[in-house]
Protein backbone atom coordinates (compact mmCIF):
# COMPACT_ATOMS: atom_id res chain seq x y z
CA MET A 1 16.51 9.28 35.36
CA ALA A 2 16.10 7.36 32.24
CA VAL A 3 15.60 8.99 29.23
CA ALA A 4 12.64 8.07 27.46
CA SER A 5 13.45 6.63 23.55
CA SER A 6 10.75 8.03 21.20
CA GLY A 7 9.47 5.70 18.77
CA SER A 8 7.80 6.03 15.44
CA ALA A 9 4.36 5.09 14.54
CA TYR A 10 3.34 1.97 12.05
CA LEU A 11 -0.05 0.16 10.43
CA LEU A 12 0.50 -3.00 10.59
CA LEU A 13 -1.02 -5.03 8.58
CA ASP A 14 -1.74 -8.77 6.80
CA VAL A 15 -0.71 -9.20 3.40
CA ALA A 16 -1.59 -12.66 2.73
CA GLY A 17 -0.55 -13.58 5.84
CA THR A 18 2.66 -11.71 5.49
CA ALA A 19 3.15 -9.15 8.82
CA CYS A 20 3.96 -5.57 7.35
CA ALA A 21 4.04 -2.22 8.62
CA LEU A 22 3.68 0.85 6.38
CA PRO A 23 4.88 3.92 8.15
CA ARG A 24 1.74 6.18 9.59
CA SER A 25 2.90 9.27 8.35
CA ALA A 26 3.06 7.87 4.82
CA VAL A 27 -0.76 6.74 5.10
CA ALA A 28 -3.21 9.27 4.69
CA GLU A 29 -6.73 7.41 5.69
CA ILE A 30 -7.88 3.54 5.45
CA LEU A 31 -11.01 2.81 3.08
CA PRO A 32 -12.73 -0.33 3.15
CA LEU A 33 -12.65 -1.96 -0.50
CA PRO A 34 -15.36 -0.32 -2.44
CA ASP A 35 -16.05 -1.58 -5.94
CA LEU A 36 -13.28 -0.69 -8.55
CA HIS A 37 -13.11 0.73 -12.30
CA THR A 38 -11.70 -1.97 -13.86
CA PRO A 39 -10.23 -1.18 -17.16
CA PRO A 40 -8.79 -3.90 -19.71
CA ALA A 41 -5.81 -2.69 -19.13
CA ALA A 42 -5.71 -3.32 -15.54
CA GLY A 43 -4.90 -6.93 -14.60
CA GLY A 44 -1.82 -8.12 -12.26
CA TRP A 45 -1.22 -6.64 -9.11
CA LEU A 46 -3.11 -3.32 -10.33
CA LEU A 47 -6.65 -3.64 -9.62
CA GLY A 48 -8.24 -0.67 -11.28
CA PHE A 49 -9.26 2.98 -9.69
CA LEU A 50 -11.13 4.12 -7.27
CA ASN A 51 -12.90 7.06 -8.17
CA LEU A 52 -11.97 9.18 -5.33
CA GLY A 53 -13.94 12.75 -5.44
CA GLY A 54 -13.87 12.68 -9.47
CA ALA A 55 -10.08 11.74 -9.33
CA PRO A 56 -8.80 7.88 -10.30
CA VAL A 57 -6.73 6.30 -7.97
CA PRO A 58 -4.89 3.32 -8.78
CA VAL A 59 -5.86 0.35 -6.45
CA ILE A 60 -2.46 -2.14 -5.68
CA ASP A 61 -2.80 -5.39 -4.59
CA LEU A 62 0.21 -5.37 -2.03
CA ALA A 63 0.32 -9.18 -2.03
CA THR A 64 0.45 -10.35 -5.36
CA LEU A 65 2.87 -6.92 -6.33
CA LEU A 66 5.48 -8.66 -3.79
CA GLY A 67 4.69 -11.99 -5.05
CA LEU A 68 2.69 -13.66 -1.61
CA ARG A 69 -0.38 -14.10 -3.59
CA PRO A 70 -1.45 -15.35 -7.17
CA ALA A 71 -3.44 -12.00 -9.57
CA VAL A 72 -6.58 -14.18 -9.44
CA ALA A 73 -7.59 -14.75 -5.73
CA ALA A 74 -10.13 -12.59 -4.69
CA PRO A 75 -9.86 -9.91 -1.84
CA GLY A 76 -10.80 -11.21 1.36
CA LEU A 77 -14.03 -9.86 3.95
CA TYR A 78 -11.62 -7.50 5.89
CA ALA A 79 -9.92 -6.14 3.15
CA HIS A 80 -9.04 -2.54 3.28
CA LEU A 81 -7.28 -0.04 1.26
CA ALA A 82 -4.02 2.35 2.45
CA LEU A 83 -4.33 5.49 0.39
CA MET A 84 -1.31 7.15 0.60
CA GLN A 85 -0.28 9.93 1.35
CA GLY A 86 0.98 12.51 -1.29
CA GLU A 87 0.59 10.72 -4.13
CA ALA A 88 -2.44 8.79 -5.68
CA VAL A 89 -2.43 5.45 -5.17
CA ALA A 90 -3.84 2.81 -2.75
CA TYR A 91 -2.91 -0.35 -1.44
CA LEU A 92 -5.08 -3.80 -0.83
CA VAL A 93 -4.10 -5.34 1.96
CA ASP A 94 -5.81 -8.54 3.63
CA ARG A 95 -6.52 -6.65 7.04
CA VAL A 96 -5.16 -3.85 8.68
CA ALA A 97 -4.06 -5.04 12.29
CA ASP A 98 -3.57 -2.17 14.12
CA LEU A 99 -1.27 1.56 14.46
CA MET A 100 1.20 1.31 17.15
CA THR A 101 3.86 3.64 18.31
CA VAL A 102 7.56 1.15 17.81
CA PRO A 103 10.12 2.12 19.66
CA ASP A 104 13.38 2.75 18.20
CA SER A 105 15.25 -0.05 19.58
CA ALA A 106 12.79 -2.17 18.18
CA ILE A 107 13.71 -1.08 14.43
CA ARG A 108 16.64 -2.71 12.98
CA GLN A 109 17.36 -0.97 9.71
CA ALA A 110 17.25 -3.47 6.50
CA GLU A 111 19.91 -3.05 3.80
CA GLU A 112 18.47 -1.82 0.44
CA ALA A 113 19.97 -4.21 -1.73
CA ASP A 114 18.38 -7.14 0.12
CA THR A 115 14.99 -6.90 -0.99
CA LEU A 116 13.29 -5.45 -4.45
CA ASN A 117 13.87 -1.75 -5.21
CA GLY A 118 14.94 -1.66 -1.71
CA CYS A 119 10.87 -1.69 -0.53
CA VAL A 120 11.65 -2.95 3.07
CA ALA A 121 13.06 -0.41 4.60
CA ALA A 122 13.36 -1.87 8.30
CA GLU A 123 12.75 -4.99 10.28
CA LEU A 124 10.22 -4.40 13.22
CA VAL A 125 11.28 -6.83 16.67
CA LEU A 126 7.46 -7.01 18.07
CA GLY A 127 8.25 -9.24 20.91
CA GLU A 128 8.71 -12.66 19.25
CA ARG A 129 7.45 -11.30 15.75
CA LEU A 130 9.23 -10.15 13.30
CA VAL A 131 7.30 -7.43 10.70
CA HIS A 132 8.48 -6.06 7.49
CA ALA A 133 8.56 -1.91 7.58
CA LEU A 134 7.46 -1.20 4.19
CA ALA A 135 9.04 1.79 2.13
CA PRO A 136 6.00 3.24 0.24
CA GLU A 137 8.22 5.55 -2.22
CA ARG A 138 10.49 2.02 -3.08
CA LEU A 139 7.33 -0.55 -2.99
CA LEU A 140 6.48 0.28 -7.11
CA THR A 141 9.99 0.60 -9.50
CA ALA A 142 9.96 3.64 -11.68
CA GLN A 143 9.07 1.84 -14.40
CA GLU A 144 5.69 0.53 -12.42
CA ARG A 145 5.25 4.02 -11.78
CA ILE A 146 5.31 5.38 -15.32
CA ARG A 147 2.99 2.57 -16.81
CA VAL A 148 0.42 2.96 -13.23
CA ASP A 149 0.66 7.21 -14.41
CA ALA A 150 -0.21 6.68 -17.59
CA LEU A 151 -2.83 4.70 -16.74
CA THR A 152 -4.21 6.90 -14.58
CA ARG A 153 -4.29 9.62 -16.98
CA ALA A 154 -6.17 7.05 -19.28
CA ALA A 155 -8.85 6.86 -16.35
CA ALA A 156 -8.88 10.15 -16.09
CA GLU A 157 -9.39 11.14 -19.75
CA ARG A 158 -12.26 8.43 -19.70
CA LEU A 159 -14.04 9.91 -16.48
CA ALA A 160 -14.06 13.03 -17.80
CA ALA A 161 -15.63 12.02 -21.10
CA LEU A 162 -18.50 10.84 -19.04
CA PRO A 163 -21.24 13.59 -18.78
CA HIS A 164 -21.75 15.43 -15.49
CA SER A 165 -24.65 14.10 -13.52
CA VAL A 166 -27.32 16.74 -12.29
């Protein structure tokens, strides 16, 4: 009797024409792209902030962060935000293509030293396609996190200073 192999759930993403994936367990929610608050200090891969229940959530253009697209490109019609679980950050992707369980036999661990900050954790072999499975906790460097956290605190202070609507 054959034992069924286990697998891991991944969200398959289109990031500037590059197939990528995020572990399903790392993503809290997928959102359509709303209007963002864009303070003067935002720019490059930091698109601005999403007001989520009164708390500013930084929105990062994943394609620009990974060097796949220049920062001046406008988001496409089908762009989505992947709101991450347990950390207040959302990543803009061109499209969330699918949710699938990938068998363990189709997951090849990547060498951490082979990508910037080890942001590619594995390669998913899906038929003839090779998909980069990203490690959300390593997408930003420690210095980038510190800067984004400081800008998020500043955005929260500005939001708190506004009068509350009745």
